[in-house]
Amino acid sequence: MGTFVSKRLTAEENYIRMTETPVSRLITSLAVPTIISMLVTTFYHMADTVFVSRLGTQASGAVGIVFSLMSIIQAIGMTLGLGAGNYIARLLGAKENDKADQVLSTAYFTALGIGLLLLVLGVSFLEPFMRLLGSTDTILPYAMDYGGIILFGAPVMAASFVMNTTLRSEGNARLGMRGMVVGSLLNVVLDPLLIFGFDMGIKGAAIATVFSQSVSFVILLSYFLRRKSTLHLSIANFRWKKWIYKEVLTTGMPAFYRQGMASISMILLNNVAAPFGDSALAAMTIVTRTMQFLGSALIGFGQGFQPVSGFSWGARRLDRLKAAFRFSLITGVVGFTVLGTLGFLFAPTIMRFFIKTDRTVVEIGALAMRLQCVVMPLQAMNIIVAMLFQSIGKAKQASLTALSRQGLFFVPVILTLPKLIGIRGMQLSQPIADLATFAFSLFLVLRFWRNLNKSMVVSSAGVKSRTNP
């Protein structure tokens, strides 16, 4: 059976595809649309930064402030989406389709509700919220204009993550890609039109983002309503059940830790950069967006690995699980080596592409980017290991790996190093955290495989003793 799906498969056909197709071909087929989706999605975030940066250093800094807000929205959506998606993959692997439908519907409507709550609270306390995120007095007006509009997209953004992730969990990554890509491309077109053509400034960028996200939401929702998915999304399938939330949150909390800590680290970085001036804050905003864009390719690839990992674990195909992990890790290291090399070589050019009028922004950002690119290949270990643990329901290990990069290591470094050596400490904080995260992830995964191999040997010995008394 072909790996690329051109028609809707039955549950049994999808099971066969996910458990019998060679893992390298299956992961690649699932990863390609996800990589495209991730690249296009992060590209439109970069487009916001590019076009808004034309309005000046303060406007560019405001994008960095609101980026941490969008990370919070993303944390909500990814917690419920990845938690539900990985659980759904295991349920489908175990052929429990009715439970999978209930998990999808419960996660979807929960994401809508939490997004609506964030909208109400955020708009009600907008100014203190923007200051909490790290805004300076000069950046605050831009941040309020941008963030006040972005908040209205919180419900649909969070729910879209759930739909996109669950489509991937059943092996329908191409459907999720279409919805996200259309919205992202629309955003890139609308940005310059509204910012400059209609002279709406930074508000135009925010309106373009919310409108484009709403279009993606409608497209993704239509796949479920038109039964393009093997999963059924319906309010009738919503269940206020402890077992659903327990499984979704247990599996999804690593995503919350990862995205939540990304938000916290961005807030801390904004607050640390602010005393060094608006140029430092704008520079680190551009670096963060660029590194996110480069890293999104591997994250997309890893999200192609997760359904295969979850299906293999649920179907007790540990041979496929090992093969999938090995293939994904090697691919990740090679890919990040190439991207890190390109980022290192062209760091000044990339910075000037965003903003040409402030040389200080270019100088600060180019060095920070190069330092992060040097250790970029090591990030592949952390990303693939975290996705392995999350997809097979190893909540403790997944939570530790998710917390490590931006939490356990980055937070103490960013809070201490800049005080000791100034702006250079700010630029070195992320690379140091990445080195520590690599060592920690390597330790966790080696211990996991060692214990798994021991349990397989014991299980095999038990079978032999029963069959040959």
Protein backbone atom coordinates (compact mmCIF):
# COMPACT_ATOMS: atom_id res chain seq x y z
CA MET A 1 0.00 0.00 0.00
CA GLY A 2 1.35 3.45 -0.86
CA THR A 3 2.62 5.58 1.98
CA PHE A 4 1.15 8.82 0.68
CA VAL A 5 -2.58 8.78 1.25
CA SER A 6 -4.73 10.00 -1.64
CA LYS A 7 -8.02 8.73 -0.22
CA ARG A 8 -9.52 8.21 3.17
CA LEU A 9 -8.36 4.89 4.63
CA THR A 10 -10.42 2.65 6.83
CA ALA A 11 -9.18 2.20 10.38
CA GLU A 12 -7.82 -1.25 9.48
CA GLU A 13 -6.05 0.01 6.34
CA ASN A 14 -4.50 2.85 8.32
CA TYR A 15 -3.35 0.39 10.99
CA ILE A 16 -1.65 -1.76 8.38
CA ARG A 17 0.03 1.28 6.81
CA MET A 18 1.32 2.55 10.16
CA THR A 19 2.67 -0.82 11.33
CA GLU A 20 4.01 -2.39 8.11
CA THR A 21 5.42 0.40 5.91
CA PRO A 22 9.24 0.67 6.29
CA VAL A 23 9.86 3.23 9.02
CA SER A 24 12.21 5.47 7.02
CA ARG A 25 9.67 5.82 4.20
CA LEU A 26 6.72 6.17 6.58
CA ILE A 27 8.37 8.82 8.77
CA THR A 28 9.50 10.78 5.72
CA SER A 29 6.02 10.69 4.19
CA LEU A 30 4.48 11.93 7.45
CA ALA A 31 7.26 14.42 8.12
CA VAL A 32 7.40 16.21 4.75
CA PRO A 33 3.97 17.87 5.03
CA THR A 34 4.62 18.60 8.70
CA ILE A 35 7.99 20.18 7.92
CA ILE A 36 6.36 22.32 5.24
CA SER A 37 3.64 23.30 7.69
CA MET A 38 6.16 24.19 10.41
CA LEU A 39 8.42 26.12 8.05
CA VAL A 40 5.57 28.11 6.56
CA THR A 41 4.07 28.78 9.98
CA THR A 42 7.36 30.04 11.43
CA PHE A 43 8.03 31.91 8.19
CA TYR A 44 4.93 34.01 8.65
CA HIS A 45 6.11 34.79 12.19
CA MET A 46 9.36 35.92 10.60
CA ALA A 47 7.41 37.89 8.01
CA ASP A 48 5.75 39.82 10.83
CA THR A 49 9.19 40.62 12.21
CA VAL A 50 10.56 41.62 8.79
CA PHE A 51 7.71 43.96 7.87
CA VAL A 52 7.22 45.39 11.36
CA SER A 53 10.97 46.02 11.68
CA ARG A 54 10.61 48.49 8.82
CA LEU A 55 8.60 50.61 11.27
CA GLY A 56 11.62 50.99 13.58
CA THR A 57 13.53 49.39 16.46
CA GLN A 58 10.70 49.87 18.99
CA ALA A 59 8.15 48.19 16.73
CA SER A 60 10.56 45.27 16.22
CA GLY A 61 10.97 44.99 19.97
CA ALA A 62 7.17 44.90 20.38
CA VAL A 63 7.03 41.79 18.19
CA GLY A 64 9.42 40.12 20.61
CA ILE A 65 7.22 41.09 23.55
CA VAL A 66 4.06 39.71 21.95
CA PHE A 67 5.93 36.63 20.70
CA SER A 68 6.03 35.42 24.31
CA LEU A 69 2.23 35.89 24.42
CA MET A 70 1.85 33.78 21.29
CA SER A 71 4.07 31.16 22.91
CA ILE A 72 1.58 31.00 25.77
CA ILE A 73 -1.27 30.42 23.30
CA GLN A 74 0.85 27.83 21.55
CA ALA A 75 1.59 26.14 24.87
CA ILE A 76 -2.15 25.72 25.50
CA GLY A 77 -2.80 24.30 22.04
CA MET A 78 0.25 22.04 21.97
CA THR A 79 -0.36 20.70 25.48
CA LEU A 80 -3.86 19.57 24.56
CA GLY A 81 -3.00 18.79 20.93
CA LEU A 82 0.15 16.72 21.48
CA GLY A 83 -1.32 15.13 24.61
CA ALA A 84 -4.43 14.10 22.70
CA GLY A 85 -2.51 13.26 19.52
CA ASN A 86 -0.01 10.92 21.13
CA TYR A 87 -2.76 9.24 23.16
CA ILE A 88 -4.90 8.91 20.03
CA ALA A 89 -1.98 7.30 18.16
CA ARG A 90 -1.69 4.67 20.91
CA LEU A 91 -5.47 4.14 20.93
CA LEU A 92 -5.56 3.70 17.16
CA GLY A 93 -2.59 1.33 17.42
CA ALA A 94 -4.63 -0.68 19.94
CA LYS A 95 -7.76 -0.35 17.70
CA GLU A 96 -9.79 1.61 20.27
CA ASN A 97 -11.33 4.05 17.79
CA ASP A 98 -14.34 5.18 19.84
CA LYS A 99 -12.11 6.29 22.68
CA ALA A 100 -9.92 8.16 20.18
CA ASP A 101 -12.97 10.16 18.99
CA GLN A 102 -13.81 11.12 22.57
CA VAL A 103 -10.25 12.23 23.29
CA LEU A 104 -10.17 14.42 20.16
CA SER A 105 -13.50 16.14 20.90
CA THR A 106 -12.69 16.73 24.56
CA ALA A 107 -9.28 18.27 23.78
CA TYR A 108 -10.73 20.46 21.01
CA PHE A 109 -13.52 22.05 23.05
CA THR A 110 -11.26 22.44 26.06
CA ALA A 111 -8.75 24.37 23.93
CA LEU A 112 -11.51 26.68 22.69
CA GLY A 113 -12.63 27.38 26.25
CA ILE A 114 -9.16 28.10 27.63
CA GLY A 115 -8.35 30.33 24.64
CA LEU A 116 -11.51 32.33 25.29
CA LEU A 117 -10.57 32.74 28.96
CA LEU A 118 -7.11 34.01 27.98
CA LEU A 119 -8.73 36.51 25.61
CA VAL A 120 -10.98 37.95 28.33
CA LEU A 121 -8.25 38.19 30.97
CA GLY A 122 -5.62 39.50 28.55
CA VAL A 123 -7.78 42.31 27.17
CA SER A 124 -8.96 43.26 30.67
CA PHE A 125 -5.40 43.68 31.97
CA LEU A 126 -3.57 44.56 28.76
CA GLU A 127 -1.06 47.18 29.95
CA PRO A 128 0.21 45.32 33.04
CA PHE A 129 0.28 42.14 30.93
CA MET A 130 2.56 43.76 28.33
CA ARG A 131 4.83 45.14 31.05
CA LEU A 132 5.01 41.71 32.66
CA LEU A 133 6.14 40.28 29.31
CA GLY A 134 9.12 42.68 29.38
CA SER A 135 7.98 45.81 27.54
CA THR A 136 9.90 49.05 28.08
CA ASP A 137 8.12 52.43 28.22
CA THR A 138 9.12 53.25 24.64
CA ILE A 139 7.98 49.85 23.29
CA LEU A 140 4.74 49.67 25.33
CA PRO A 141 2.42 51.55 22.88
CA TYR A 142 3.44 49.24 20.03
CA ALA A 143 3.13 46.15 22.21
CA MET A 144 -0.39 47.09 23.33
CA ASP A 145 -1.54 47.76 19.77
CA TYR A 146 -0.12 44.45 18.55
CA GLY A 147 -0.92 42.24 21.54
CA GLY A 148 -4.44 43.60 22.08
CA ILE A 149 -5.46 42.33 18.65
CA ILE A 150 -3.50 39.06 18.79
CA LEU A 151 -5.45 38.07 21.91
CA PHE A 152 -8.66 37.87 19.85
CA GLY A 153 -7.12 34.99 17.92
CA ALA A 154 -6.31 32.96 21.05
CA PRO A 155 -9.34 30.57 20.89
CA VAL A 156 -8.93 29.64 17.21
CA MET A 157 -5.11 29.40 17.46
CA ALA A 158 -5.32 26.98 20.40
CA ALA A 159 -8.03 24.86 18.78
CA SER A 160 -6.14 24.76 15.46
CA PHE A 161 -3.12 23.22 17.17
CA VAL A 162 -5.35 20.44 18.51
CA MET A 163 -6.85 19.68 15.10
CA ASN A 164 -3.51 19.83 13.28
CA THR A 165 -1.79 17.56 15.78
CA THR A 166 -4.55 14.95 15.89
CA LEU A 167 -4.61 14.79 12.09
CA ARG A 168 -0.92 13.92 12.23
CA SER A 169 -1.54 11.33 14.95
CA GLU A 170 -3.73 9.27 12.61
CA GLY A 171 -1.23 9.61 9.76
CA ASN A 172 -3.07 12.40 7.87
CA ALA A 173 -0.29 14.97 8.08
CA ARG A 174 -1.02 16.35 4.60
CA LEU A 175 -4.48 17.51 5.62
CA GLY A 176 -3.05 19.43 8.56
CA MET A 177 -0.39 20.91 6.32
CA ARG A 178 -2.92 22.33 3.87
CA GLY A 179 -4.83 24.23 6.51
CA MET A 180 -1.74 25.71 8.13
CA VAL A 181 0.00 26.57 4.84
CA VAL A 182 -3.00 28.42 3.37
CA GLY A 183 -3.31 30.56 6.49
CA SER A 184 0.41 31.24 6.66
CA LEU A 185 0.71 32.28 3.01
CA LEU A 186 -2.33 34.51 3.41
CA ASN A 187 -0.65 36.19 6.37
CA VAL A 188 2.49 36.91 4.33
CA VAL A 189 0.37 38.55 1.62
CA LEU A 190 -1.76 40.58 4.04
CA ASP A 191 1.15 41.85 6.17
CA PRO A 192 2.59 44.42 3.73
CA LEU A 193 -0.86 45.25 2.36
CA LEU A 194 -2.29 46.21 5.75
CA ILE A 195 0.89 47.62 7.32
CA PHE A 196 1.93 49.85 4.42
CA GLY A 197 -0.82 49.77 1.79
CA PHE A 198 -3.59 50.73 4.23
CA ASP A 199 -1.15 52.56 6.53
CA MET A 200 -2.32 50.57 9.58
CA GLY A 201 1.18 50.11 11.00
CA ILE A 202 1.71 47.42 13.62
CA LYS A 203 -2.05 46.96 14.04
CA GLY A 204 -2.17 45.79 10.43
CA ALA A 205 0.32 43.01 11.20
CA ALA A 206 -1.82 41.82 14.10
CA ILE A 207 -5.04 41.88 12.06
CA ALA A 208 -3.33 39.93 9.27
CA THR A 209 -2.20 37.28 11.77
CA VAL A 210 -5.61 36.83 13.43
CA PHE A 211 -7.49 36.74 10.13
CA SER A 212 -5.07 34.21 8.63
CA GLN A 213 -5.23 32.00 11.72
CA SER A 214 -9.03 32.07 11.49
CA VAL A 215 -8.88 30.89 7.87
CA SER A 216 -6.61 27.99 8.91
CA PHE A 217 -9.07 27.13 11.68
CA VAL A 218 -12.01 26.95 9.26
CA ILE A 219 -10.07 24.77 6.79
CA LEU A 220 -8.95 22.32 9.49
CA LEU A 221 -12.42 22.13 10.99
CA SER A 222 -13.91 21.40 7.57
CA TYR A 223 -11.83 18.20 7.29
CA PHE A 224 -13.54 16.79 10.36
CA LEU A 225 -17.01 18.03 9.43
CA ARG A 226 -16.67 16.53 5.91
CA ARG A 227 -15.33 13.25 7.36
CA LYS A 228 -11.96 13.47 5.63
CA SER A 229 -10.46 12.21 8.87
CA THR A 230 -10.87 8.73 10.34
CA LEU A 231 -11.55 10.55 13.63
CA HIS A 232 -14.96 12.06 14.43
CA LEU A 233 -15.06 15.54 15.99
CA SER A 234 -18.39 16.30 17.63
CA ILE A 235 -19.80 17.94 20.75
CA ALA A 236 -21.60 14.62 21.30
CA ASN A 237 -18.19 12.98 21.77
CA PHE A 238 -17.12 15.48 24.42
CA ARG A 239 -16.60 13.78 27.76
CA TRP A 240 -15.92 15.51 31.07
CA LYS A 241 -14.04 12.42 32.19
CA LYS A 242 -11.06 12.14 34.49
CA TRP A 243 -9.43 9.38 32.46
CA ILE A 244 -9.33 11.54 29.33
CA TYR A 245 -7.84 14.59 31.02
CA LYS A 246 -5.43 12.44 32.98
CA GLU A 247 -4.03 10.77 29.85
CA VAL A 248 -4.05 13.95 27.74
CA LEU A 249 -2.39 16.09 30.40
CA THR A 250 0.05 13.40 31.46
CA THR A 251 1.22 13.01 27.88
CA GLY A 252 0.77 16.68 26.98
CA MET A 253 2.42 18.31 30.00
CA PRO A 254 5.90 17.93 28.46
CA ALA A 255 4.67 20.16 25.62
CA PHE A 256 3.32 22.59 28.21
CA TYR A 257 6.65 22.57 30.03
CA ARG A 258 8.55 23.04 26.79
CA GLN A 259 6.32 25.81 25.41
CA GLY A 260 5.62 27.29 28.83
CA MET A 261 9.31 27.50 29.58
CA ALA A 262 9.86 28.96 26.11
CA SER A 263 7.42 31.72 27.08
CA ILE A 264 9.08 32.24 30.45
CA SER A 265 12.54 32.25 28.90
CA MET A 266 11.41 34.84 26.35
CA ILE A 267 9.99 37.01 29.13
CA LEU A 268 13.24 36.69 31.09
CA LEU A 269 15.31 37.38 27.98
CA ASN A 270 13.23 40.50 27.25
CA ASN A 271 13.71 41.73 30.81
CA VAL A 272 17.45 40.98 30.75
CA ALA A 273 17.90 42.66 27.36
CA ALA A 274 15.91 45.79 28.27
CA PRO A 275 18.66 47.39 30.42
CA PHE A 276 21.07 47.06 27.49
CA GLY A 277 18.67 49.18 25.37
CA ASP A 278 15.95 48.74 22.76
CA SER A 279 18.58 47.65 20.21
CA ALA A 280 19.55 44.64 22.34
CA LEU A 281 15.91 43.67 22.80
CA ALA A 282 15.23 43.99 19.06
CA ALA A 283 18.38 42.00 18.21
CA MET A 284 17.45 39.08 20.47
CA THR A 285 13.91 39.13 19.06
CA ILE A 286 15.28 38.68 15.53
CA VAL A 287 17.71 35.96 16.64
CA THR A 288 14.96 34.06 18.46
CA ARG A 289 12.65 34.19 15.43
CA THR A 290 15.43 33.09 13.07
CA MET A 291 16.57 30.19 15.25
CA GLN A 292 12.95 29.12 15.64
CA PHE A 293 12.62 29.09 11.86
CA LEU A 294 15.76 26.99 11.42
CA GLY A 295 14.70 24.64 14.21
CA SER A 296 11.15 24.22 12.95
CA ALA A 297 12.34 21.84 10.22
CA LEU A 298 13.56 19.29 12.77
CA ILE A 299 10.52 19.81 14.98
CA GLY A 300 8.36 19.10 11.94
CA PHE A 301 10.42 16.00 11.18
CA GLY A 302 10.13 14.88 14.79
CA GLN A 303 6.36 15.27 14.64
CA GLY A 304 6.43 12.89 11.69
CA PHE A 305 8.34 10.45 13.91
CA GLN A 306 5.86 10.65 16.80
CA PRO A 307 2.84 8.90 15.19
CA VAL A 308 5.11 6.04 14.08
CA SER A 309 6.59 5.84 17.57
CA GLY A 310 3.16 5.91 19.25
CA PHE A 311 1.67 3.33 16.86
CA SER A 312 4.70 1.04 17.27
CA TRP A 313 4.52 1.24 21.06
CA GLY A 314 0.76 0.65 21.11
CA ALA A 315 1.09 -2.29 18.71
CA ARG A 316 4.06 -3.72 20.68
CA ARG A 317 6.37 -3.40 17.68
CA LEU A 318 9.53 -2.45 19.57
CA ASP A 319 11.70 -3.31 16.58
CA ARG A 320 9.97 -0.53 14.62
CA LEU A 321 10.27 1.83 17.56
CA LYS A 322 14.04 1.40 17.68
CA ALA A 323 14.42 1.73 13.93
CA ALA A 324 12.28 4.87 13.87
CA PHE A 325 14.28 6.51 16.66
CA ARG A 326 17.62 5.68 15.06
CA PHE A 327 16.57 7.00 11.66
CA SER A 328 15.11 10.20 13.12
CA LEU A 329 18.13 10.97 15.29
CA ILE A 330 20.65 10.53 12.47
CA THR A 331 18.54 12.62 10.13
CA GLY A 332 18.17 15.32 12.78
CA VAL A 333 21.89 15.58 13.50
CA VAL A 334 22.79 15.78 9.81
CA GLY A 335 20.06 18.32 9.07
CA PHE A 336 20.92 20.57 11.99
CA THR A 337 24.61 20.45 11.07
CA VAL A 338 23.80 21.79 7.62
CA LEU A 339 21.39 24.46 8.92
CA GLY A 340 23.76 25.48 11.71
CA THR A 341 26.61 25.93 9.25
CA LEU A 342 24.48 28.13 6.97
CA GLY A 343 23.24 30.17 9.91
CA PHE A 344 26.79 30.72 11.18
CA LEU A 345 28.11 31.83 7.79
CA PHE A 346 25.27 34.22 6.96
CA ALA A 347 24.38 35.57 10.42
CA PRO A 348 25.23 39.25 9.65
CA THR A 349 23.39 39.08 6.34
CA ILE A 350 20.32 37.62 8.05
CA MET A 351 20.34 40.39 10.66
CA ARG A 352 20.63 43.11 7.99
CA PHE A 353 17.73 41.55 6.12
CA PHE A 354 15.51 42.36 9.10
CA ILE A 355 16.84 45.78 10.01
CA LYS A 356 19.47 47.90 8.23
CA THR A 357 19.20 51.21 10.06
CA ASP A 358 20.58 50.12 13.44
CA ARG A 359 24.14 48.72 13.30
CA THR A 360 24.05 47.86 17.00
CA VAL A 361 21.13 45.49 16.41
CA VAL A 362 23.09 43.74 13.64
CA GLU A 363 26.27 43.39 15.70
CA ILE A 364 24.57 42.07 18.84
CA GLY A 365 22.34 39.69 16.91
CA ALA A 366 25.00 38.29 14.55
CA LEU A 367 27.23 37.12 17.41
CA ALA A 368 24.31 35.66 19.39
CA MET A 369 23.13 33.78 16.29
CA ARG A 370 26.57 32.37 15.53
CA LEU A 371 27.03 31.13 19.08
CA GLN A 372 23.71 29.30 18.92
CA CYS A 373 24.45 27.83 15.48
CA VAL A 374 27.70 26.26 16.75
CA VAL A 375 25.80 23.97 19.14
CA MET A 376 22.78 23.52 16.88
CA PRO A 377 23.53 19.87 15.89
CA LEU A 378 23.35 18.88 19.56
CA GLN A 379 19.74 20.08 19.77
CA ALA A 380 18.68 17.13 17.61
CA MET A 381 19.27 14.79 20.53
CA ASN A 382 17.04 16.77 22.89
CA ILE A 383 14.19 17.20 20.38
CA ILE A 384 14.03 13.59 19.19
CA VAL A 385 14.46 12.17 22.70
CA ALA A 386 11.71 14.41 24.08
CA MET A 387 9.36 13.36 21.27
CA LEU A 388 10.16 9.69 21.83
CA PHE A 389 9.25 9.84 25.51
CA GLN A 390 6.14 11.90 24.85
CA SER A 391 4.81 9.66 22.09
CA ILE A 392 5.08 6.46 24.14
CA GLY A 393 3.56 7.96 27.28
CA LYS A 394 6.73 8.14 29.41
CA ALA A 395 5.53 11.28 31.17
CA LYS A 396 8.34 11.63 33.72
CA GLN A 397 11.17 11.40 31.22
CA ALA A 398 9.29 13.53 28.69
CA SER A 399 8.69 16.22 31.29
CA LEU A 400 12.34 16.27 32.32
CA THR A 401 13.58 16.64 28.74
CA ALA A 402 10.96 19.29 28.00
CA LEU A 403 11.91 21.30 31.09
CA SER A 404 15.65 20.99 30.63
CA ARG A 405 16.58 23.33 27.78
CA GLN A 406 14.58 26.46 28.62
CA GLY A 407 13.94 25.71 32.27
CA LEU A 408 16.49 23.68 34.21
CA PHE A 409 19.46 25.16 32.35
CA PHE A 410 18.54 28.38 30.53
CA VAL A 411 16.75 30.15 33.40
CA PRO A 412 19.61 30.03 35.94
CA VAL A 413 22.17 30.93 33.26
CA ILE A 414 20.24 33.95 31.90
CA LEU A 415 19.59 35.20 35.44
CA THR A 416 23.26 35.06 36.47
CA LEU A 417 25.65 35.26 33.50
CA PRO A 418 24.64 38.71 32.15
CA LYS A 419 25.15 40.14 35.64
CA LEU A 420 28.67 38.76 35.67
CA ILE A 421 29.93 39.57 32.16
CA GLY A 422 27.30 41.91 30.72
CA ILE A 423 25.78 41.63 27.27
CA ARG A 424 28.13 38.79 26.30
CA GLY A 425 26.49 36.71 29.03
CA MET A 426 23.11 37.28 27.42
CA GLN A 427 24.46 36.07 24.08
CA LEU A 428 26.12 32.98 25.62
CA SER A 429 23.20 31.86 27.78
CA GLN A 430 21.33 29.79 25.18
CA PRO A 431 24.40 27.94 23.80
CA ILE A 432 25.47 26.99 27.34
CA ALA A 433 21.96 25.72 28.08
CA ASP A 434 22.00 23.70 24.84
CA LEU A 435 25.27 21.98 25.80
CA ALA A 436 23.91 20.99 29.20
CA THR A 437 20.63 19.80 27.67
CA PHE A 438 22.44 17.55 25.21
CA ALA A 439 24.33 15.78 28.00
CA PHE A 440 21.15 15.36 30.05
CA SER A 441 19.09 13.99 27.14
CA LEU A 442 21.84 11.54 26.19
CA PHE A 443 21.90 10.20 29.75
CA LEU A 444 18.10 9.73 29.87
CA VAL A 445 17.76 7.98 26.52
CA LEU A 446 20.69 5.61 27.07
CA ARG A 447 19.15 4.57 30.38
CA PHE A 448 15.75 4.07 28.72
CA TRP A 449 17.09 1.80 25.96
CA ARG A 450 19.19 -0.16 28.45
CA ASN A 451 16.19 -0.82 30.69
CA LEU A 452 13.99 -1.66 27.69
CA ASN A 453 16.53 -4.17 26.39
CA LYS A 454 16.72 -5.80 29.82
CA SER A 455 12.94 -6.12 30.02
CA MET A 456 12.84 -7.66 26.52
CA VAL A 457 15.48 -10.23 27.51
CA VAL A 458 13.56 -11.12 30.67
CA SER A 459 10.29 -11.38 28.74
CA SER A 460 11.90 -13.59 26.09
CA ALA A 461 13.39 -15.85 28.77
CA GLY A 462 9.97 -16.17 30.39
CA VAL A 463 8.38 -17.25 27.14
CA LYS A 464 11.05 -19.86 26.52
CA SER A 465 10.68 -21.28 30.02
CA ARG A 466 6.92 -21.66 29.54
CA THR A 467 7.21 -23.31 26.13
CA ASN A 468 10.18 -25.53 27.07
CA PRO A 469 9.64 -26.72 30.65
